[in-house]
């Protein structure tokens, strides 16, 4: 059965890179969001098991999405993929429920290892 996946990043190129980096051994049903507001709306109305989330986005940023999730009953795995890798940001996203913080540019092997650690592979 395919894993429902949401890729939230304001950069279309970054979303494409994330999708291309996904391990071919896992079947995903992929939806994309170009900002945090779109991501939240999708999560409110659709099943999602995995969210690959950028931090720097318009309207609502990745922190706002994580704050929304921490106050909701939506259960899913969140992997933050961001170029904003300040230690305090990393701690904050982990405190808000992210399972992993991966730096951009995305390393496909690191993503695969993270998915393995989370039980997707």
PDB file of N, CA and C in Angstrom:
ATOM      1  N   UNK A   1       0.844  -1.185   0.000  1.00  0.00           N
ATOM      2  CA  UNK A   1       0.000   0.000   0.000  1.00  0.00           C
ATOM      3  C   UNK A   1       0.888   1.248   0.000  1.00  0.00           C
ATOM      4  N   UNK A   2       0.525   2.225  -0.785  1.00  0.00           N
ATOM      5  CA  UNK A   2       1.314   3.451  -0.912  1.00  0.00           C
ATOM      6  C   UNK A   2       1.224   4.297   0.363  1.00  0.00           C
ATOM      7  N   UNK A   3       2.326   4.925   0.691  1.00  0.00           N
ATOM      8  CA  UNK A   3       2.412   5.808   1.857  1.00  0.00           C
ATOM      9  C   UNK A   3       1.990   7.212   1.437  1.00  0.00           C
ATOM     10  N   UNK A   4       0.933   7.772   2.065  1.00  0.00           N
ATOM     11  CA  UNK A   4       0.548   9.150   1.750  1.00  0.00           C
ATOM     12  C   UNK A   4       1.604  10.129   2.271  1.00  0.00           C
ATOM     13  N   UNK A   5       2.172  10.901   1.363  1.00  0.00           N
ATOM     14  CA  UNK A   5       3.291  11.791   1.662  1.00  0.00           C
ATOM     15  C   UNK A   5       2.955  13.208   1.210  1.00  0.00           C
ATOM     16  N   UNK A   6       3.265  14.172   2.063  1.00  0.00           N
ATOM     17  CA  UNK A   6       3.136  15.581   1.710  1.00  0.00           C
ATOM     18  C   UNK A   6       4.519  16.210   1.737  1.00  0.00           C
ATOM     19  N   UNK A   7       4.883  16.872   0.639  1.00  0.00           N
ATOM     20  CA  UNK A   7       6.140  17.613   0.550  1.00  0.00           C
ATOM     21  C   UNK A   7       5.779  19.094   0.577  1.00  0.00           C
ATOM     22  N   UNK A   8       6.205  19.795   1.624  1.00  0.00           N
ATOM     23  CA  UNK A   8       5.873  21.211   1.785  1.00  0.00           C
ATOM     24  C   UNK A   8       7.143  22.049   1.708  1.00  0.00           C
ATOM     25  N   UNK A   9       7.243  22.812   0.638  1.00  0.00           N
ATOM     26  CA  UNK A   9       8.398  23.689   0.411  1.00  0.00           C
ATOM     27  C   UNK A   9       7.954  24.753  -0.579  1.00  0.00           C
ATOM     28  N   UNK A  10       8.348  26.000  -0.359  1.00  0.00           N
ATOM     29  CA  UNK A  10       7.925  27.064  -1.272  1.00  0.00           C
ATOM     30  C   UNK A  10       8.668  27.025  -2.603  1.00  0.00           C
ATOM     31  N   UNK A  11       9.764  26.306  -2.672  1.00  0.00           N
ATOM     32  CA  UNK A  11      10.531  26.204  -3.913  1.00  0.00           C
ATOM     33  C   UNK A  11      10.109  24.965  -4.701  1.00  0.00           C
ATOM     34  N   UNK A  12       9.627  25.196  -5.899  1.00  0.00           N
ATOM     35  CA  UNK A  12       9.234  24.072  -6.759  1.00  0.00           C
ATOM     36  C   UNK A  12      10.434  23.163  -7.044  1.00  0.00           C
ATOM     37  N   UNK A  13      11.592  23.768  -7.270  1.00  0.00           N
ATOM     38  CA  UNK A  13      12.809  23.000  -7.514  1.00  0.00           C
ATOM     39  C   UNK A  13      13.154  22.123  -6.313  1.00  0.00           C
ATOM     40  N   UNK A  14      13.052  22.674  -5.120  1.00  0.00           N
ATOM     41  CA  UNK A  14      13.329  21.892  -3.911  1.00  0.00           C
ATOM     42  C   UNK A  14      12.342  20.733  -3.767  1.00  0.00           C
ATOM     43  N   UNK A  15      11.066  20.985  -4.052  1.00  0.00           N
ATOM     44  CA  UNK A  15      10.080  19.899  -3.981  1.00  0.00           C
ATOM     45  C   UNK A  15      10.436  18.794  -4.963  1.00  0.00           C
ATOM     46  N   UNK A  16      10.836  19.171  -6.164  1.00  0.00           N
ATOM     47  CA  UNK A  16      11.245  18.160  -7.161  1.00  0.00           C
ATOM     48  C   UNK A  16      12.458  17.367  -6.687  1.00  0.00           C
ATOM     49  N   UNK A  17      13.430  18.067  -6.097  1.00  0.00           N
ATOM     50  CA  UNK A  17      14.634  17.384  -5.586  1.00  0.00           C
ATOM     51  C   UNK A  17      14.271  16.392  -4.485  1.00  0.00           C
ATOM     52  N   UNK A  18      13.371  16.776  -3.611  1.00  0.00           N
ATOM     53  CA  UNK A  18      12.934  15.880  -2.538  1.00  0.00           C
ATOM     54  C   UNK A  18      12.257  14.645  -3.131  1.00  0.00           C
ATOM     55  N   UNK A  19      11.361  14.852  -4.068  1.00  0.00           N
ATOM     56  CA  UNK A  19      10.647  13.728  -4.689  1.00  0.00           C
ATOM     57  C   UNK A  19      11.637  12.798  -5.399  1.00  0.00           C
ATOM     58  N   UNK A  20      12.605  13.373  -6.113  1.00  0.00           N
ATOM     59  CA  UNK A  20      13.609  12.551  -6.807  1.00  0.00           C
ATOM     60  C   UNK A  20      14.492  11.777  -5.834  1.00  0.00           C
ATOM     61  N   UNK A  21      14.686  12.299  -4.630  1.00  0.00           N
ATOM     62  CA  UNK A  21      15.556  11.663  -3.638  1.00  0.00           C
ATOM     63  C   UNK A  21      14.875  10.524  -2.880  1.00  0.00           C
ATOM     64  N   UNK A  22      13.561  10.381  -3.053  1.00  0.00           N
ATOM     65  CA  UNK A  22      12.849   9.324  -2.327  1.00  0.00           C
ATOM     66  C   UNK A  22      13.296   7.950  -2.809  1.00  0.00           C
ATOM     67  N   UNK A  23      13.482   7.012  -1.883  1.00  0.00           N
ATOM     68  CA  UNK A  23      13.922   5.670  -2.279  1.00  0.00           C
ATOM     69  C   UNK A  23      12.857   4.979  -3.136  1.00  0.00           C
ATOM     70  N   UNK A  24      13.274   4.367  -4.238  1.00  0.00           N
ATOM     71  CA  UNK A  24      12.304   3.720  -5.133  1.00  0.00           C
ATOM     72  C   UNK A  24      11.658   2.479  -4.519  1.00  0.00           C
ATOM     73  N   UNK A  25      12.212   1.966  -3.426  1.00  0.00           N
ATOM     74  CA  UNK A  25      11.661   0.768  -2.791  1.00  0.00           C
ATOM     75  C   UNK A  25      10.347   1.037  -2.072  1.00  0.00           C
ATOM     76  N   UNK A  26      10.055   2.311  -1.831  1.00  0.00           N
ATOM     77  CA  UNK A  26       8.818   2.676  -1.127  1.00  0.00           C
ATOM     78  C   UNK A  26       7.860   3.304  -2.135  1.00  0.00           C
ATOM     79  N   UNK A  27       6.618   2.842  -2.116  1.00  0.00           N
ATOM     80  CA  UNK A  27       5.599   3.442  -2.979  1.00  0.00           C
ATOM     81  C   UNK A  27       4.914   4.564  -2.198  1.00  0.00           C
ATOM     82  N   UNK A  28       4.929   5.755  -2.768  1.00  0.00           N
ATOM     83  CA  UNK A  28       4.315   6.920  -2.138  1.00  0.00           C
ATOM     84  C   UNK A  28       3.173   7.458  -2.991  1.00  0.00           C
ATOM     85  N   UNK A  29       2.185   8.016  -2.334  1.00  0.00           N
ATOM     86  CA  UNK A  29       1.195   8.874  -2.970  1.00  0.00           C
ATOM     87  C   UNK A  29       1.604  10.284  -2.552  1.00  0.00           C
ATOM     88  N   UNK A  30       2.110  11.057  -3.512  1.00  0.00           N
ATOM     89  CA  UNK A  30       2.757  12.336  -3.198  1.00  0.00           C
ATOM     90  C   UNK A  30       1.838  13.512  -3.496  1.00  0.00           C
ATOM     91  N   UNK A  31       1.732  14.393  -2.510  1.00  0.00           N
ATOM     92  CA  UNK A  31       1.053  15.673  -2.669  1.00  0.00           C
ATOM     93  C   UNK A  31       2.070  16.749  -2.320  1.00  0.00           C
ATOM     94  N   UNK A  32       1.968  17.889  -2.988  1.00  0.00           N
ATOM     95  CA  UNK A  32       2.895  18.986  -2.734  1.00  0.00           C
ATOM     96  C   UNK A  32       2.140  20.218  -2.244  1.00  0.00           C
ATOM     97  N   UNK A  33       2.798  20.964  -1.358  1.00  0.00           N
ATOM     98  CA  UNK A  33       2.269  22.237  -0.872  1.00  0.00           C
ATOM     99  C   UNK A  33       3.368  23.285  -1.020  1.00  0.00           C
ATOM    100  N   UNK A  34       2.996  24.477  -1.464  1.00  0.00           N
ATOM    101  CA  UNK A  34       3.992  25.521  -1.694  1.00  0.00           C
ATOM    102  C   UNK A  34       4.129  26.498  -0.529  1.00  0.00           C
ATOM    103  N   UNK A  35       3.349  26.276   0.528  1.00  0.00           N
ATOM    104  CA  UNK A  35       3.485  27.091   1.733  1.00  0.00           C
ATOM    105  C   UNK A  35       2.826  26.365   2.901  1.00  0.00           C
ATOM    106  N   UNK A  36       3.038  26.894   4.089  1.00  0.00           N
ATOM    107  CA  UNK A  36       2.506  26.249   5.277  1.00  0.00           C
ATOM    108  C   UNK A  36       0.994  26.235   5.346  1.00  0.00           C
ATOM    109  N   UNK A  37       0.361  27.264   4.828  1.00  0.00           N
ATOM    110  CA  UNK A  37      -1.107  27.316   4.842  1.00  0.00           C
ATOM    111  C   UNK A  37      -1.683  26.180   4.006  1.00  0.00           C
ATOM    112  N   UNK A  38      -1.119  25.961   2.813  1.00  0.00           N
ATOM    113  CA  UNK A  38      -1.564  24.838   1.970  1.00  0.00           C
ATOM    114  C   UNK A  38      -1.310  23.512   2.669  1.00  0.00           C
ATOM    115  N   UNK A  39      -0.172  23.394   3.326  1.00  0.00           N
ATOM    116  CA  UNK A  39       0.160  22.152   4.022  1.00  0.00           C
ATOM    117  C   UNK A  39      -0.865  21.858   5.111  1.00  0.00           C
ATOM    118  N   UNK A  40      -1.178  22.858   5.918  1.00  0.00           N
ATOM    119  CA  UNK A  40      -2.147  22.667   7.004  1.00  0.00           C
ATOM    120  C   UNK A  40      -3.511  22.293   6.445  1.00  0.00           C
ATOM    121  N   UNK A  41      -3.955  22.971   5.402  1.00  0.00           N
ATOM    122  CA  UNK A  41      -5.260  22.649   4.803  1.00  0.00           C
ATOM    123  C   UNK A  41      -5.279  21.206   4.301  1.00  0.00           C
ATOM    124  N   UNK A  42      -4.203  20.783   3.663  1.00  0.00           N
ATOM    125  CA  UNK A  42      -4.134  19.398   3.196  1.00  0.00           C
ATOM    126  C   UNK A  42      -4.199  18.429   4.376  1.00  0.00           C
ATOM    127  N   UNK A  43      -3.441  18.709   5.419  1.00  0.00           N
ATOM    128  CA  UNK A  43      -3.388  17.815   6.581  1.00  0.00           C
ATOM    129  C   UNK A  43      -4.731  17.748   7.308  1.00  0.00           C
ATOM    130  N   UNK A  44      -5.490  18.835   7.297  1.00  0.00           N
ATOM    131  CA  UNK A  44      -6.801  18.843   7.947  1.00  0.00           C
ATOM    132  C   UNK A  44      -7.795  17.927   7.233  1.00  0.00           C
ATOM    133  N   UNK A  45      -7.647  17.788   5.910  1.00  0.00           N
ATOM    134  CA  UNK A  45      -8.686  17.132   5.120  1.00  0.00           C
ATOM    135  C   UNK A  45      -8.262  15.844   4.431  1.00  0.00           C
ATOM    136  N   UNK A  46      -7.018  15.434   4.590  1.00  0.00           N
ATOM    137  CA  UNK A  46      -6.525  14.252   3.892  1.00  0.00           C
ATOM    138  C   UNK A  46      -5.647  13.410   4.799  1.00  0.00           C
ATOM    139  N   UNK A  47      -5.652  12.101   4.551  1.00  0.00           N
ATOM    140  CA  UNK A  47      -4.760  11.225   5.297  1.00  0.00           C
ATOM    141  C   UNK A  47      -3.324  11.482   4.846  1.00  0.00           C
ATOM    142  N   UNK A  48      -2.437  11.522   5.812  1.00  0.00           N
ATOM    143  CA  UNK A  48      -1.016  11.708   5.528  1.00  0.00           C
ATOM    144  C   UNK A  48      -0.231  10.963   6.595  1.00  0.00           C
ATOM    145  N   UNK A  49       0.737  10.180   6.175  1.00  0.00           N
ATOM    146  CA  UNK A  49       1.579   9.435   7.125  1.00  0.00           C
ATOM    147  C   UNK A  49       2.937  10.095   7.322  1.00  0.00           C
ATOM    148  N   UNK A  50       3.370  10.856   6.305  1.00  0.00           N
ATOM    149  CA  UNK A  50       4.716  11.417   6.319  1.00  0.00           C
ATOM    150  C   UNK A  50       4.688  12.817   5.729  1.00  0.00           C
ATOM    151  N   UNK A  51       5.334  13.758   6.420  1.00  0.00           N
ATOM    152  CA  UNK A  51       5.451  15.140   5.960  1.00  0.00           C
ATOM    153  C   UNK A  51       6.926  15.486   5.868  1.00  0.00           C
ATOM    154  N   UNK A  52       7.361  15.896   4.687  1.00  0.00           N
ATOM    155  CA  UNK A  52       8.716  16.411   4.481  1.00  0.00           C
ATOM    156  C   UNK A  52       8.567  17.920   4.391  1.00  0.00           C
ATOM    157  N   UNK A  53       9.100  18.630   5.365  1.00  0.00           N
ATOM    158  CA  UNK A  53       8.741  20.020   5.617  1.00  0.00           C
ATOM    159  C   UNK A  53       9.942  20.953   5.603  1.00  0.00           C
ATOM    160  N   UNK A  54       9.840  22.015   4.811  1.00  0.00           N
ATOM    161  CA  UNK A  54      10.818  23.102   4.842  1.00  0.00           C
ATOM    162  C   UNK A  54      10.408  24.062   5.957  1.00  0.00           C
ATOM    163  N   UNK A  55      11.350  24.815   6.480  1.00  0.00           N
ATOM    164  CA  UNK A  55      11.029  25.780   7.533  1.00  0.00           C
ATOM    165  C   UNK A  55      10.673  27.148   6.994  1.00  0.00           C
ATOM    166  N   UNK A  56      11.379  27.603   5.963  1.00  0.00           N
ATOM    167  CA  UNK A  56      11.200  28.954   5.461  1.00  0.00           C
ATOM    168  C   UNK A  56      10.214  28.947   4.301  1.00  0.00           C
ATOM    169  N   UNK A  57       8.963  29.329   4.605  1.00  0.00           N
ATOM    170  CA  UNK A  57       7.895  29.377   3.599  1.00  0.00           C
ATOM    171  C   UNK A  57       7.013  30.585   3.875  1.00  0.00           C
ATOM    172  N   UNK A  58       6.326  31.074   2.843  1.00  0.00           N
ATOM    173  CA  UNK A  58       5.422  32.210   3.044  1.00  0.00           C
ATOM    174  C   UNK A  58       4.115  31.788   3.722  1.00  0.00           C
ATOM    175  N   UNK A  59       3.378  32.779   4.143  1.00  0.00           N
ATOM    176  CA  UNK A  59       2.079  32.667   4.801  1.00  0.00           C
ATOM    177  C   UNK A  59       2.195  32.021   6.181  1.00  0.00           C
ATOM    178  N   UNK A  60       2.509  30.746   6.236  1.00  0.00           N
ATOM    179  CA  UNK A  60       2.790  30.055   7.494  1.00  0.00           C
ATOM    180  C   UNK A  60       4.080  29.277   7.271  1.00  0.00           C
ATOM    181  N   UNK A  61       5.052  29.473   8.151  1.00  0.00           N
ATOM    182  CA  UNK A  61       6.332  28.773   7.966  1.00  0.00           C
ATOM    183  C   UNK A  61       6.268  27.361   8.560  1.00  0.00           C
ATOM    184  N   UNK A  62       7.372  26.646   8.451  1.00  0.00           N
ATOM    185  CA  UNK A  62       7.419  25.277   8.953  1.00  0.00           C
ATOM    186  C   UNK A  62       7.199  25.187  10.450  1.00  0.00           C
ATOM    187  N   UNK A  63       7.691  26.170  11.198  1.00  0.00           N
ATOM    188  CA  UNK A  63       7.462  26.201  12.641  1.00  0.00           C
ATOM    189  C   UNK A  63       5.958  26.304  12.920  1.00  0.00           C
ATOM    190  N   UNK A  64       5.268  27.141  12.155  1.00  0.00           N
ATOM    191  CA  UNK A  64       3.818  27.277  12.303  1.00  0.00           C
ATOM    192  C   UNK A  64       3.089  25.974  12.013  1.00  0.00           C
ATOM    193  N   UNK A  65       3.550  25.232  11.017  1.00  0.00           N
ATOM    194  CA  UNK A  65       2.947  23.927  10.699  1.00  0.00           C
ATOM    195  C   UNK A  65       3.169  22.966  11.866  1.00  0.00           C
ATOM    196  N   UNK A  66       4.393  22.936  12.395  1.00  0.00           N
ATOM    197  CA  UNK A  66       4.681  22.063  13.536  1.00  0.00           C
ATOM    198  C   UNK A  66       3.861  22.461  14.768  1.00  0.00           C
ATOM    199  N   UNK A  67       3.691  23.757  14.990  1.00  0.00           N
ATOM    200  CA  UNK A  67       2.865  24.209  16.112  1.00  0.00           C
ATOM    201  C   UNK A  67       1.413  23.767  15.923  1.00  0.00           C
ATOM    202  N   UNK A  68       0.897  23.885  14.696  1.00  0.00           N
ATOM    203  CA  UNK A  68      -0.451  23.410  14.413  1.00  0.00           C
ATOM    204  C   UNK A  68      -0.567  21.919  14.719  1.00  0.00           C
ATOM    205  N   UNK A  69       0.406  21.133  14.236  1.00  0.00           N
ATOM    206  CA  UNK A  69       0.367  19.682  14.454  1.00  0.00           C
ATOM    207  C   UNK A  69       0.445  19.334  15.938  1.00  0.00           C
ATOM    208  N   UNK A  70       1.246  20.084  16.697  1.00  0.00           N
ATOM    209  CA  UNK A  70       1.396  19.780  18.124  1.00  0.00           C
ATOM    210  C   UNK A  70       0.103  20.039  18.900  1.00  0.00           C
ATOM    211  N   UNK A  71      -0.781  20.854  18.336  1.00  0.00           N
ATOM    212  CA  UNK A  71      -2.050  21.169  18.996  1.00  0.00           C
ATOM    213  C   UNK A  71      -3.225  20.420  18.391  1.00  0.00           C
ATOM    214  N   UNK A  72      -2.957  19.552  17.418  1.00  0.00           N
ATOM    215  CA  UNK A  72      -4.028  18.818  16.754  1.00  0.00           C
ATOM    216  C   UNK A  72      -3.950  17.343  17.134  1.00  0.00           C
ATOM    217  N   UNK A  73      -4.915  16.588  16.669  1.00  0.00           N
ATOM    218  CA  UNK A  73      -4.900  15.143  16.897  1.00  0.00           C
ATOM    219  C   UNK A  73      -4.381  14.395  15.667  1.00  0.00           C
ATOM    220  N   UNK A  74      -3.741  15.113  14.761  1.00  0.00           N
ATOM    221  CA  UNK A  74      -3.178  14.504  13.552  1.00  0.00           C
ATOM    222  C   UNK A  74      -1.865  13.817  13.925  1.00  0.00           C
ATOM    223  N   UNK A  75      -1.766  12.552  13.556  1.00  0.00           N
ATOM    224  CA  UNK A  75      -0.571  11.778  13.876  1.00  0.00           C
ATOM    225  C   UNK A  75       0.157  11.413  12.577  1.00  0.00           C
ATOM    226  N   UNK A  76       1.393  11.871  12.457  1.00  0.00           N
ATOM    227  CA  UNK A  76       2.205  11.551  11.299  1.00  0.00           C
ATOM    228  C   UNK A  76       3.668  11.798  11.633  1.00  0.00           C
ATOM    229  N   UNK A  77       4.550  11.271  10.802  1.00  0.00           N
ATOM    230  CA  UNK A  77       5.976  11.508  10.962  1.00  0.00           C
ATOM    231  C   UNK A  77       6.357  12.761  10.187  1.00  0.00           C
ATOM    232  N   UNK A  78       7.118  13.639  10.817  1.00  0.00           N
ATOM    233  CA  UNK A  78       7.583  14.867  10.174  1.00  0.00           C
ATOM    234  C   UNK A  78       9.103  14.843  10.105  1.00  0.00           C
ATOM    235  N   UNK A  79       9.614  15.032   8.898  1.00  0.00           N
ATOM    236  CA  UNK A  79      11.039  15.207   8.677  1.00  0.00           C
ATOM    237  C   UNK A  79      11.230  16.615   8.147  1.00  0.00           C
ATOM    238  N   UNK A  80      11.989  17.415   8.873  1.00  0.00           N
ATOM    239  CA  UNK A  80      12.275  18.784   8.435  1.00  0.00           C
ATOM    240  C   UNK A  80      13.503  18.734   7.534  1.00  0.00           C
ATOM    241  N   UNK A  81      13.386  19.365   6.377  1.00  0.00           N
ATOM    242  CA  UNK A  81      14.495  19.468   5.424  1.00  0.00           C
ATOM    243  C   UNK A  81      14.692  20.960   5.175  1.00  0.00           C
ATOM    244  N   UNK A  82      15.787  21.517   5.700  1.00  0.00           N
ATOM    245  CA  UNK A  82      15.941  22.965   5.651  1.00  0.00           C
ATOM    246  C   UNK A  82      17.405  23.383   5.586  1.00  0.00           C
ATOM    247  N   UNK A  83      17.634  24.524   4.978  1.00  0.00           N
ATOM    248  CA  UNK A  83      18.963  25.129   4.965  1.00  0.00           C
ATOM    249  C   UNK A  83      19.191  25.953   6.233  1.00  0.00           C
ATOM    250  N   UNK A  84      18.123  26.203   6.985  1.00  0.00           N
ATOM    251  CA  UNK A  84      18.212  26.964   8.232  1.00  0.00           C
ATOM    252  C   UNK A  84      18.533  25.988   9.362  1.00  0.00           C
ATOM    253  N   UNK A  85      19.825  25.718   9.547  1.00  0.00           N
ATOM    254  CA  UNK A  85      20.218  24.672  10.492  1.00  0.00           C
ATOM    255  C   UNK A  85      20.862  25.215  11.760  1.00  0.00           C
ATOM    256  N   UNK A  86      20.368  26.339  12.237  1.00  0.00           N
ATOM    257  CA  UNK A  86      20.838  26.869  13.513  1.00  0.00           C
ATOM    258  C   UNK A  86      20.479  25.881  14.625  1.00  0.00           C
ATOM    259  N   UNK A  87      21.390  25.644  15.557  1.00  0.00           N
ATOM    260  CA  UNK A  87      21.118  24.671  16.626  1.00  0.00           C
ATOM    261  C   UNK A  87      19.817  24.929  17.385  1.00  0.00           C
ATOM    262  N   UNK A  88      19.506  26.203  17.649  1.00  0.00           N
ATOM    263  CA  UNK A  88      18.268  26.492  18.373  1.00  0.00           C
ATOM    264  C   UNK A  88      17.029  26.151  17.545  1.00  0.00           C
ATOM    265  N   UNK A  89      17.118  26.316  16.221  1.00  0.00           N
ATOM    266  CA  UNK A  89      16.007  25.919  15.347  1.00  0.00           C
ATOM    267  C   UNK A  89      15.841  24.405  15.350  1.00  0.00           C
ATOM    268  N   UNK A  90      16.959  23.698  15.297  1.00  0.00           N
ATOM    269  CA  UNK A  90      16.905  22.231  15.331  1.00  0.00           C
ATOM    270  C   UNK A  90      16.245  21.753  16.620  1.00  0.00           C
ATOM    271  N   UNK A  91      16.632  22.329  17.754  1.00  0.00           N
ATOM    272  CA  UNK A  91      16.018  21.940  19.028  1.00  0.00           C
ATOM    273  C   UNK A  91      14.529  22.251  19.033  1.00  0.00           C
ATOM    274  N   UNK A  92      14.164  23.422  18.522  1.00  0.00           N
ATOM    275  CA  UNK A  92      12.756  23.819  18.502  1.00  0.00           C
ATOM    276  C   UNK A  92      11.921  22.853  17.676  1.00  0.00           C
ATOM    277  N   UNK A  93      12.378  22.510  16.470  1.00  0.00           N
ATOM    278  CA  UNK A  93      11.565  21.618  15.632  1.00  0.00           C
ATOM    279  C   UNK A  93      11.452  20.227  16.253  1.00  0.00           C
ATOM    280  N   UNK A  94      12.496  19.776  16.916  1.00  0.00           N
ATOM    281  CA  UNK A  94      12.428  18.470  17.581  1.00  0.00           C
ATOM    282  C   UNK A  94      11.468  18.544  18.778  1.00  0.00           C
ATOM    283  N   UNK A  95      11.510  19.649  19.513  1.00  0.00           N
ATOM    284  CA  UNK A  95      10.583  19.833  20.635  1.00  0.00           C
ATOM    285  C   UNK A  95       9.138  19.890  20.166  1.00  0.00           C
ATOM    286  N   UNK A  96       8.925  20.370  18.939  1.00  0.00           N
ATOM    287  CA  UNK A  96       7.573  20.458  18.387  1.00  0.00           C
ATOM    288  C   UNK A  96       7.127  19.159  17.712  1.00  0.00           C
ATOM    289  N   UNK A  97       7.957  18.127  17.756  1.00  0.00           N
ATOM    290  CA  UNK A  97       7.505  16.821  17.278  1.00  0.00           C
ATOM    291  C   UNK A  97       8.126  16.295  16.009  1.00  0.00           C
ATOM    292  N   UNK A  98       9.026  17.047  15.387  1.00  0.00           N
ATOM    293  CA  UNK A  98       9.693  16.514  14.192  1.00  0.00           C
ATOM    294  C   UNK A  98      10.519  15.294  14.593  1.00  0.00           C
ATOM    295  N   UNK A  99      10.588  14.321  13.707  1.00  0.00           N
ATOM    296  CA  UNK A  99      11.348  13.109  13.987  1.00  0.00           C
ATOM    297  C   UNK A  99      12.819  13.242  13.608  1.00  0.00           C
ATOM    298  N   UNK A 100      13.112  14.138  12.639  1.00  0.00           N
ATOM    299  CA  UNK A 100      14.487  14.284  12.150  1.00  0.00           C
ATOM    300  C   UNK A 100      14.615  15.649  11.491  1.00  0.00           C
ATOM    301  N   UNK A 101      15.828  16.186  11.538  1.00  0.00           N
ATOM    302  CA  UNK A 101      16.164  17.435  10.865  1.00  0.00           C
ATOM    303  C   UNK A 101      17.283  17.112   9.881  1.00  0.00           C
ATOM    304  N   UNK A 102      17.020  17.315   8.602  1.00  0.00           N
ATOM    305  CA  UNK A 102      18.010  17.060   7.550  1.00  0.00           C
ATOM    306  C   UNK A 102      18.353  18.383   6.890  1.00  0.00           C
ATOM    307  N   UNK A 103      19.640  18.622   6.694  1.00  0.00           N
ATOM    308  CA  UNK A 103      20.095  19.863   6.063  1.00  0.00           C
ATOM    309  C   UNK A 103      19.956  19.804   4.544  1.00  0.00           C
ATOM    310  N   UNK A 104      19.636  20.982   3.986  1.00  0.00           N
ATOM    311  CA  UNK A 104      19.713  21.152   2.533  1.00  0.00           C
ATOM    312  C   UNK A 104      21.133  21.543   2.201  1.00  0.00           C
ATOM    313  N   UNK A 105      21.669  21.176   1.063  1.00  0.00           N
ATOM    314  CA  UNK A 105      21.007  20.372   0.037  1.00  0.00           C
ATOM    315  C   UNK A 105      20.806  18.935   0.524  1.00  0.00           C
ATOM    316  N   UNK A 106      19.684  18.372   0.120  1.00  0.00           N
ATOM    317  CA  UNK A 106      19.266  17.061   0.573  1.00  0.00           C
ATOM    318  C   UNK A 106      20.194  15.970   0.071  1.00  0.00           C
ATOM    319  N   UNK A 107      20.578  15.105   0.973  1.00  0.00           N
ATOM    320  CA  UNK A 107      21.384  13.926   0.651  1.00  0.00           C
ATOM    321  C   UNK A 107      20.426  12.736   0.602  1.00  0.00           C
ATOM    322  N   UNK A 108      20.284  12.107  -0.561  1.00  0.00           N
ATOM    323  CA  UNK A 108      19.313  11.022  -0.719  1.00  0.00           C
ATOM    324  C   UNK A 108      19.623   9.840   0.191  1.00  0.00           C
ATOM    325  N   UNK A 109      20.905   9.600   0.474  1.00  0.00           N
ATOM    326  CA  UNK A 109      21.258   8.501   1.375  1.00  0.00           C
ATOM    327  C   UNK A 109      20.822   8.805   2.810  1.00  0.00           C
ATOM    328  N   UNK A 110      20.970  10.051   3.229  1.00  0.00           N
ATOM    329  CA  UNK A 110      20.513  10.430   4.569  1.00  0.00           C
ATOM    330  C   UNK A 110      18.998  10.316   4.675  1.00  0.00           C
ATOM    331  N   UNK A 111      18.291  10.706   3.623  1.00  0.00           N
ATOM    332  CA  UNK A 111      16.834  10.570   3.616  1.00  0.00           C
ATOM    333  C   UNK A 111      16.444   9.094   3.688  1.00  0.00           C
ATOM    334  N   UNK A 112      17.090   8.255   2.901  1.00  0.00           N
ATOM    335  CA  UNK A 112      16.786   6.819   2.923  1.00  0.00           C
ATOM    336  C   UNK A 112      17.062   6.227   4.304  1.00  0.00           C
ATOM    337  N   UNK A 113      18.171   6.601   4.917  1.00  0.00           N
ATOM    338  CA  UNK A 113      18.502   6.091   6.252  1.00  0.00           C
ATOM    339  C   UNK A 113      17.455   6.547   7.274  1.00  0.00           C
ATOM    340  N   UNK A 114      17.017   7.785   7.166  1.00  0.00           N
ATOM    341  CA  UNK A 114      15.988   8.300   8.077  1.00  0.00           C
ATOM    342  C   UNK A 114      14.692   7.529   7.894  1.00  0.00           C
ATOM    343  N   UNK A 115      14.305   7.279   6.651  1.00  0.00           N
ATOM    344  CA  UNK A 115      13.081   6.516   6.393  1.00  0.00           C
ATOM    345  C   UNK A 115      13.211   5.085   6.913  1.00  0.00           C
ATOM    346  N   UNK A 116      14.398   4.526   6.810  1.00  0.00           N
ATOM    347  CA  UNK A 116      14.671   3.197   7.365  1.00  0.00           C
ATOM    348  C   UNK A 116      14.497   3.231   8.889  1.00  0.00           C
ATOM    349  N   UNK A 117      15.087   4.228   9.534  1.00  0.00           N
ATOM    350  CA  UNK A 117      15.002   4.361  10.992  1.00  0.00           C
ATOM    351  C   UNK A 117      13.559   4.532  11.467  1.00  0.00           C
ATOM    352  N   UNK A 118      12.736   5.165  10.635  1.00  0.00           N
ATOM    353  CA  UNK A 118      11.335   5.383  10.991  1.00  0.00           C
ATOM    354  C   UNK A 118      10.437   4.201  10.606  1.00  0.00           C
ATOM    355  N   UNK A 119      11.024   3.180   9.982  1.00  0.00           N
ATOM    356  CA  UNK A 119      10.263   1.977   9.669  1.00  0.00           C
ATOM    357  C   UNK A 119       9.590   1.952   8.311  1.00  0.00           C
ATOM    358  N   UNK A 120       9.951   2.858   7.431  1.00  0.00           N
ATOM    359  CA  UNK A 120       9.354   2.878   6.094  1.00  0.00           C
ATOM    360  C   UNK A 120      10.051   1.944   5.121  1.00  0.00           C
ATOM    361  N   UNK A 121      11.294   1.575   5.386  1.00  0.00           N
ATOM    362  CA  UNK A 121      12.061   0.670   4.521  1.00  0.00           C
ATOM    363  C   UNK A 121      12.284  -0.648   5.226  1.00  0.00           C
TER     364      UNK A 121
END
